[in-house]
Amino acid sequence: MTLQDAKVGTRVTVRRINGEGAYKRRIMDMGITKGSEIHIRKVAPLGDPVEITVRGYELSLRKADAACVDVDPVTA
């Protein structure tokens, strides 16, 4: 499952970031790294952007960027 597919209100853990070079580095610089927990806060009506909380701050990601982040659901 990718971050783009996650439902609003769920928590997920980053499994892997797809992409190469500067693109992957840009996503990692935002705090989205392997093992980090992400809360899906909102999705815009047309699906772009996705608003998430990661490492204590809010971040908006484009749909294309969210599709490059593989995640696993957090089980309570």
PDB file of N, CA and C in Angstrom:
ATOM      1  N   MET A   1       0.854  -1.172   0.000  1.00  0.00           N
ATOM      2  CA  MET A   1       0.000   0.000   0.000  1.00  0.00           C
ATOM      3  C   MET A   1       0.901   1.236   0.000  1.00  0.00           C
ATOM      4  N   THR A   2       0.454   2.287  -0.655  1.00  0.00           N
ATOM      5  CA  THR A   2       1.202   3.536  -0.678  1.00  0.00           C
ATOM      6  C   THR A   2       0.511   4.568   0.204  1.00  0.00           C
ATOM      7  N   LEU A   3       1.215   5.637   0.502  1.00  0.00           N
ATOM      8  CA  LEU A   3       0.666   6.715   1.307  1.00  0.00           C
ATOM      9  C   LEU A   3      -0.555   7.328   0.627  1.00  0.00           C
ATOM     10  N   GLN A   4      -0.575   7.324  -0.672  1.00  0.00           N
ATOM     11  CA  GLN A   4      -1.702   7.851  -1.443  1.00  0.00           C
ATOM     12  C   GLN A   4      -2.973   7.024  -1.199  1.00  0.00           C
ATOM     13  N   ASP A   5      -2.828   5.719  -0.973  1.00  0.00           N
ATOM     14  CA  ASP A   5      -3.967   4.821  -0.793  1.00  0.00           C
ATOM     15  C   ASP A   5      -4.517   4.799   0.631  1.00  0.00           C
ATOM     16  N   ALA A   6      -3.767   5.319   1.598  1.00  0.00           N
ATOM     17  CA  ALA A   6      -4.179   5.269   3.004  1.00  0.00           C
ATOM     18  C   ALA A   6      -5.419   6.137   3.225  1.00  0.00           C
ATOM     19  N   LYS A   7      -6.282   5.686   4.094  1.00  0.00           N
ATOM     20  CA  LYS A   7      -7.538   6.384   4.387  1.00  0.00           C
ATOM     21  C   LYS A   7      -7.329   7.485   5.420  1.00  0.00           C
ATOM     22  N   VAL A   8      -8.169   8.505   5.371  1.00  0.00           N
ATOM     23  CA  VAL A   8      -8.109   9.619   6.310  1.00  0.00           C
ATOM     24  C   VAL A   8      -8.355   9.097   7.727  1.00  0.00           C
ATOM     25  N   GLY A   9      -7.542   9.580   8.665  1.00  0.00           N
ATOM     26  CA  GLY A   9      -7.694   9.200  10.065  1.00  0.00           C
ATOM     27  C   GLY A   9      -6.862   8.002  10.482  1.00  0.00           C
ATOM     28  N   THR A  10      -6.186   7.351   9.541  1.00  0.00           N
ATOM     29  CA  THR A  10      -5.389   6.180   9.887  1.00  0.00           C
ATOM     30  C   THR A  10      -3.943   6.567  10.170  1.00  0.00           C
ATOM     31  N   ARG A  11      -3.251   5.660  10.843  1.00  0.00           N
ATOM     32  CA  ARG A  11      -1.818   5.811  11.099  1.00  0.00           C
ATOM     33  C   ARG A  11      -1.092   4.718  10.335  1.00  0.00           C
ATOM     34  N   VAL A  12       0.004   5.105   9.721  1.00  0.00           N
ATOM     35  CA  VAL A  12       0.805   4.160   8.942  1.00  0.00           C
ATOM     36  C   VAL A  12       2.276   4.335   9.294  1.00  0.00           C
ATOM     37  N   THR A  13       3.066   3.314   8.988  1.00  0.00           N
ATOM     38  CA  THR A  13       4.505   3.359   9.176  1.00  0.00           C
ATOM     39  C   THR A  13       5.166   3.240   7.816  1.00  0.00           C
ATOM     40  N   VAL A  14       6.171   4.059   7.575  1.00  0.00           N
ATOM     41  CA  VAL A  14       6.871   4.055   6.289  1.00  0.00           C
ATOM     42  C   VAL A  14       7.703   2.777   6.173  1.00  0.00           C
ATOM     43  N   ARG A  15       7.476   2.038   5.105  1.00  0.00           N
ATOM     44  CA  ARG A  15       8.236   0.826   4.827  1.00  0.00           C
ATOM     45  C   ARG A  15       9.398   1.113   3.880  1.00  0.00           C
ATOM     46  N   ARG A  16       9.139   1.930   2.848  1.00  0.00           N
ATOM     47  CA  ARG A  16      10.159   2.193   1.834  1.00  0.00           C
ATOM     48  C   ARG A  16       9.776   3.431   1.043  1.00  0.00           C
ATOM     49  N   ILE A  17      10.784   4.130   0.546  1.00  0.00           N
ATOM     50  CA  ILE A  17      10.563   5.283  -0.334  1.00  0.00           C
ATOM     51  C   ILE A  17      11.094   4.924  -1.707  1.00  0.00           C
ATOM     52  N   ASN A  18      10.216   4.963  -2.692  1.00  0.00           N
ATOM     53  CA  ASN A  18      10.609   4.684  -4.074  1.00  0.00           C
ATOM     54  C   ASN A  18      11.092   5.973  -4.714  1.00  0.00           C
ATOM     55  N   GLY A  19      11.987   5.855  -5.635  1.00  0.00           N
ATOM     56  CA  GLY A  19      12.537   7.027  -6.302  1.00  0.00           C
ATOM     57  C   GLY A  19      14.051   7.002  -6.186  1.00  0.00           C
ATOM     58  N   GLU A  20      14.678   7.936  -6.858  1.00  0.00           N
ATOM     59  CA  GLU A  20      16.134   7.958  -6.865  1.00  0.00           C
ATOM     60  C   GLU A  20      16.657   9.378  -6.733  1.00  0.00           C
ATOM     61  N   GLY A  21      17.881   9.471  -6.260  1.00  0.00           N
ATOM     62  CA  GLY A  21      18.616  10.722  -6.241  1.00  0.00           C
ATOM     63  C   GLY A  21      17.948  11.841  -5.482  1.00  0.00           C
ATOM     64  N   ALA A  22      17.910  13.003  -6.114  1.00  0.00           N
ATOM     65  CA  ALA A  22      17.405  14.216  -5.473  1.00  0.00           C
ATOM     66  C   ALA A  22      15.934  14.098  -5.093  1.00  0.00           C
ATOM     67  N   TYR A  23      15.162  13.358  -5.873  1.00  0.00           N
ATOM     68  CA  TYR A  23      13.735  13.190  -5.581  1.00  0.00           C
ATOM     69  C   TYR A  23      13.539  12.470  -4.256  1.00  0.00           C
ATOM     70  N   LYS A  24      14.240  11.369  -4.068  1.00  0.00           N
ATOM     71  CA  LYS A  24      14.157  10.602  -2.824  1.00  0.00           C
ATOM     72  C   LYS A  24      14.701  11.420  -1.655  1.00  0.00           C
ATOM     73  N   ARG A  25      15.769  12.146  -1.867  1.00  0.00           N
ATOM     74  CA  ARG A  25      16.371  12.971  -0.823  1.00  0.00           C
ATOM     75  C   ARG A  25      15.411  14.064  -0.372  1.00  0.00           C
ATOM     76  N   ARG A  26      14.665  14.650  -1.309  1.00  0.00           N
ATOM     77  CA  ARG A  26      13.710  15.711  -0.968  1.00  0.00           C
ATOM     78  C   ARG A  26      12.618  15.186  -0.053  1.00  0.00           C
ATOM     79  N   ILE A  27      12.104  14.001  -0.339  1.00  0.00           N
ATOM     80  CA  ILE A  27      11.080  13.401   0.506  1.00  0.00           C
ATOM     81  C   ILE A  27      11.651  13.087   1.890  1.00  0.00           C
ATOM     82  N   MET A  28      12.858  12.563   1.930  1.00  0.00           N
ATOM     83  CA  MET A  28      13.483  12.243   3.217  1.00  0.00           C
ATOM     84  C   MET A  28      13.793  13.509   4.016  1.00  0.00           C
ATOM     85  N   ASP A  29      14.132  14.599   3.350  1.00  0.00           N
ATOM     86  CA  ASP A  29      14.393  15.869   4.039  1.00  0.00           C
ATOM     87  C   ASP A  29      13.140  16.426   4.704  1.00  0.00           C
ATOM     88  N   MET A  30      11.973  16.034   4.230  1.00  0.00           N
ATOM     89  CA  MET A  30      10.719  16.459   4.848  1.00  0.00           C
ATOM     90  C   MET A  30      10.423  15.683   6.123  1.00  0.00           C
ATOM     91  N   GLY A  31      11.226  14.687   6.434  1.00  0.00           N
ATOM     92  CA  GLY A  31      11.021  13.901   7.646  1.00  0.00           C
ATOM     93  C   GLY A  31      10.379  12.555   7.401  1.00  0.00           C
ATOM     94  N   ILE A  32      10.099  12.242   6.153  1.00  0.00           N
ATOM     95  CA  ILE A  32       9.483  10.958   5.811  1.00  0.00           C
ATOM     96  C   ILE A  32      10.615   9.970   5.553  1.00  0.00           C
ATOM     97  N   THR A  33      10.952   9.203   6.577  1.00  0.00           N
ATOM     98  CA  THR A  33      12.031   8.228   6.479  1.00  0.00           C
ATOM     99  C   THR A  33      11.514   6.858   6.889  1.00  0.00           C
ATOM    100  N   LYS A  34      12.256   5.827   6.552  1.00  0.00           N
ATOM    101  CA  LYS A  34      11.862   4.457   6.866  1.00  0.00           C
ATOM    102  C   LYS A  34      11.635   4.313   8.371  1.00  0.00           C
ATOM    103  N   GLY A  35      10.480   3.760   8.722  1.00  0.00           N
ATOM    104  CA  GLY A  35      10.145   3.535  10.121  1.00  0.00           C
ATOM    105  C   GLY A  35       9.381   4.656  10.792  1.00  0.00           C
ATOM    106  N   SER A  36       9.294   5.827  10.162  1.00  0.00           N
ATOM    107  CA  SER A  36       8.573   6.935  10.796  1.00  0.00           C
ATOM    108  C   SER A  36       7.065   6.701  10.697  1.00  0.00           C
ATOM    109  N   GLU A  37       6.351   7.156  11.733  1.00  0.00           N
ATOM    110  CA  GLU A  37       4.901   6.978  11.785  1.00  0.00           C
ATOM    111  C   GLU A  37       4.225   8.234  11.248  1.00  0.00           C
ATOM    112  N   ILE A  38       3.201   8.022  10.417  1.00  0.00           N
ATOM    113  CA  ILE A  38       2.484   9.121   9.762  1.00  0.00           C
ATOM    114  C   ILE A  38       0.999   8.991  10.056  1.00  0.00           C
ATOM    115  N   HIS A  39       0.367  10.122  10.387  1.00  0.00           N
ATOM    116  CA  HIS A  39      -1.080  10.177  10.579  1.00  0.00           C
ATOM    117  C   HIS A  39      -1.681  10.913   9.384  1.00  0.00           C
ATOM    118  N   ILE A  40      -2.639  10.275   8.713  1.00  0.00           N
ATOM    119  CA  ILE A  40      -3.307  10.898   7.557  1.00  0.00           C
ATOM    120  C   ILE A  40      -4.404  11.810   8.095  1.00  0.00           C
ATOM    121  N   ARG A  41      -4.237  13.126   7.939  1.00  0.00           N
ATOM    122  CA  ARG A  41      -5.180  14.089   8.502  1.00  0.00           C
ATOM    123  C   ARG A  41      -6.324  14.421   7.551  1.00  0.00           C
ATOM    124  N   LYS A  42      -6.003  14.803   6.332  1.00  0.00           N
ATOM    125  CA  LYS A  42      -7.026  15.224   5.369  1.00  0.00           C
ATOM    126  C   LYS A  42      -6.578  14.899   3.958  1.00  0.00           C
ATOM    127  N   VAL A  43      -7.564  14.808   3.084  1.00  0.00           N
ATOM    128  CA  VAL A  43      -7.292  14.698   1.648  1.00  0.00           C
ATOM    129  C   VAL A  43      -8.195  15.712   0.964  1.00  0.00           C
ATOM    130  N   ALA A  44      -7.640  16.481   0.067  1.00  0.00           N
ATOM    131  CA  ALA A  44      -8.424  17.480  -0.663  1.00  0.00           C
ATOM    132  C   ALA A  44      -9.520  16.784  -1.479  1.00  0.00           C
ATOM    133  N   PRO A  45     -10.594  17.502  -1.800  1.00  0.00           N
ATOM    134  CA  PRO A  45     -11.717  16.891  -2.526  1.00  0.00           C
ATOM    135  C   PRO A  45     -11.334  16.142  -3.804  1.00  0.00           C
ATOM    136  N   LEU A  46     -10.348  16.641  -4.525  1.00  0.00           N
ATOM    137  CA  LEU A  46      -9.934  15.959  -5.748  1.00  0.00           C
ATOM    138  C   LEU A  46      -8.744  15.034  -5.515  1.00  0.00           C
ATOM    139  N   GLY A  47      -8.356  14.843  -4.240  1.00  0.00           N
ATOM    140  CA  GLY A  47      -7.301  13.909  -3.899  1.00  0.00           C
ATOM    141  C   GLY A  47      -5.903  14.493  -3.886  1.00  0.00           C
ATOM    142  N   ASP A  48      -5.763  15.768  -4.178  1.00  0.00           N
ATOM    143  CA  ASP A  48      -4.435  16.372  -4.237  1.00  0.00           C
ATOM    144  C   ASP A  48      -4.490  17.760  -3.623  1.00  0.00           C
ATOM    145  N   PRO A  49      -3.809  18.069  -2.559  1.00  0.00           N
ATOM    146  CA  PRO A  49      -2.785  17.304  -1.856  1.00  0.00           C
ATOM    147  C   PRO A  49      -3.352  16.483  -0.698  1.00  0.00           C
ATOM    148  N   VAL A  50      -2.453  15.725  -0.081  1.00  0.00           N
ATOM    149  CA  VAL A  50      -2.758  14.931   1.106  1.00  0.00           C
ATOM    150  C   VAL A  50      -2.085  15.616   2.287  1.00  0.00           C
ATOM    151  N   GLU A  51      -2.826  15.867   3.359  1.00  0.00           N
ATOM    152  CA  GLU A  51      -2.249  16.507   4.534  1.00  0.00           C
ATOM    153  C   GLU A  51      -1.953  15.438   5.579  1.00  0.00           C
ATOM    154  N   ILE A  52      -0.707  15.409   6.058  1.00  0.00           N
ATOM    155  CA  ILE A  52      -0.280  14.393   7.018  1.00  0.00           C
ATOM    156  C   ILE A  52       0.401  15.053   8.210  1.00  0.00           C
ATOM    157  N   THR A  53       0.526  14.286   9.290  1.00  0.00           N
ATOM    158  CA  THR A  53       1.338  14.696  10.433  1.00  0.00           C
ATOM    159  C   THR A  53       2.471  13.704  10.542  1.00  0.00           C
ATOM    160  N   VAL A  54       3.692  14.205  10.517  1.00  0.00           N
ATOM    161  CA  VAL A  54       4.876  13.359  10.627  1.00  0.00           C
ATOM    162  C   VAL A  54       5.862  14.059  11.555  1.00  0.00           C
ATOM    163  N   ARG A  55       6.368  13.319  12.526  1.00  0.00           N
ATOM    164  CA  ARG A  55       7.358  13.833  13.489  1.00  0.00           C
ATOM    165  C   ARG A  55       6.888  15.106  14.189  1.00  0.00           C
ATOM    166  N   GLY A  56       5.581  15.203  14.451  1.00  0.00           N
ATOM    167  CA  GLY A  56       5.047  16.328  15.206  1.00  0.00           C
ATOM    168  C   GLY A  56       4.711  17.566  14.408  1.00  0.00           C
ATOM    169  N   TYR A  57       4.844  17.541  13.101  1.00  0.00           N
ATOM    170  CA  TYR A  57       4.450  18.706  12.322  1.00  0.00           C
ATOM    171  C   TYR A  57       3.579  18.300  11.144  1.00  0.00           C
ATOM    172  N   GLU A  58       2.806  19.264  10.649  1.00  0.00           N
ATOM    173  CA  GLU A  58       1.880  19.018   9.554  1.00  0.00           C
ATOM    174  C   GLU A  58       2.566  19.298   8.224  1.00  0.00           C
ATOM    175  N   LEU A  59       2.239  18.456   7.252  1.00  0.00           N
ATOM    176  CA  LEU A  59       2.886  18.542   5.950  1.00  0.00           C
ATOM    177  C   LEU A  59       1.852  18.215   4.883  1.00  0.00           C
ATOM    178  N   SER A  60       1.885  18.922   3.776  1.00  0.00           N
ATOM    179  CA  SER A  60       1.027  18.623   2.631  1.00  0.00           C
ATOM    180  C   SER A  60       1.889  18.058   1.518  1.00  0.00           C
ATOM    181  N   LEU A  61       1.446  16.927   0.979  1.00  0.00           N
ATOM    182  CA  LEU A  61       2.177  16.250  -0.095  1.00  0.00           C
ATOM    183  C   LEU A  61       1.334  16.173  -1.345  1.00  0.00           C
ATOM    184  N   ARG A  62       1.972  16.335  -2.478  1.00  0.00           N
ATOM    185  CA  ARG A  62       1.270  16.102  -3.744  1.00  0.00           C
ATOM    186  C   ARG A  62       0.959  14.616  -3.864  1.00  0.00           C
ATOM    187  N   LYS A  63      -0.061  14.301  -4.638  1.00  0.00           N
ATOM    188  CA  LYS A  63      -0.463  12.914  -4.846  1.00  0.00           C
ATOM    189  C   LYS A  63       0.673  12.090  -5.445  1.00  0.00           C
ATOM    190  N   ALA A  64       1.429  12.670  -6.354  1.00  0.00           N
ATOM    191  CA  ALA A  64       2.540  11.958  -6.993  1.00  0.00           C
ATOM    192  C   ALA A  64       3.630  11.611  -5.978  1.00  0.00           C
ATOM    193  N   ASP A  65       3.895  12.515  -5.030  1.00  0.00           N
ATOM    194  CA  ASP A  65       4.889  12.241  -3.992  1.00  0.00           C
ATOM    195  C   ASP A  65       4.385  11.177  -3.028  1.00  0.00           C
ATOM    196  N   ALA A  66       3.112  11.245  -2.665  1.00  0.00           N
ATOM    197  CA  ALA A  66       2.528  10.268  -1.747  1.00  0.00           C
ATOM    198  C   ALA A  66       2.525   8.868  -2.359  1.00  0.00           C
ATOM    199  N   ALA A  67       2.428   8.766  -3.666  1.00  0.00           N
ATOM    200  CA  ALA A  67       2.416   7.472  -4.339  1.00  0.00           C
ATOM    201  C   ALA A  67       3.777   6.799  -4.298  1.00  0.00           C
ATOM    202  N   CYS A  68       4.831   7.533  -3.995  1.00  0.00           N
ATOM    203  CA  CYS A  68       6.184   6.976  -3.958  1.00  0.00           C
ATOM    204  C   CYS A  68       6.584   6.454  -2.588  1.00  0.00           C
ATOM    205  N   VAL A  69       5.695   6.569  -1.606  1.00  0.00           N
ATOM    206  CA  VAL A  69       6.006   6.140  -0.244  1.00  0.00           C
ATOM    207  C   VAL A  69       5.191   4.891   0.083  1.00  0.00           C
ATOM    208  N   ASP A  70       5.882   3.754   0.225  1.00  0.00           N
ATOM    209  CA  ASP A  70       5.219   2.500   0.605  1.00  0.00           C
ATOM    210  C   ASP A  70       5.051   2.476   2.118  1.00  0.00           C
ATOM    211  N   VAL A  71       3.843   2.122   2.578  1.00  0.00           N
ATOM    212  CA  VAL A  71       3.547   2.141   4.007  1.00  0.00           C
ATOM    213  C   VAL A  71       2.847   0.858   4.437  1.00  0.00           C
ATOM    214  N   ASP A  72       2.892   0.613   5.757  1.00  0.00           N
ATOM    215  CA  ASP A  72       2.147  -0.465   6.394  1.00  0.00           C
ATOM    216  C   ASP A  72       1.237   0.141   7.433  1.00  0.00           C
ATOM    217  N   PRO A  73       0.015  -0.376   7.596  1.00  0.00           N
ATOM    218  CA  PRO A  73      -0.873   0.169   8.616  1.00  0.00           C
ATOM    219  C   PRO A  73      -0.340  -0.123  10.021  1.00  0.00           C
ATOM    220  N   VAL A  74      -0.569   0.809  10.940  1.00  0.00           N
ATOM    221  CA  VAL A  74      -0.176   0.620  12.330  1.00  0.00           C
ATOM    222  C   VAL A  74      -1.309  -0.109  13.031  1.00  0.00           C
ATOM    223  N   THR A  75      -0.994  -1.215  13.669  1.00  0.00           N
ATOM    224  CA  THR A  75      -2.001  -1.967  14.409  1.00  0.00           C
ATOM    225  C   THR A  75      -1.876  -1.622  15.884  1.00  0.00           C
ATOM    226  N   ALA A  76      -2.996  -1.374  16.513  1.00  0.00           N
ATOM    227  CA  ALA A  76      -2.992  -0.962  17.933  1.00  0.00           C
ATOM    228  C   ALA A  76      -2.863  -2.128  18.859  1.00  0.00           C
TER     229      ALA A  76
END
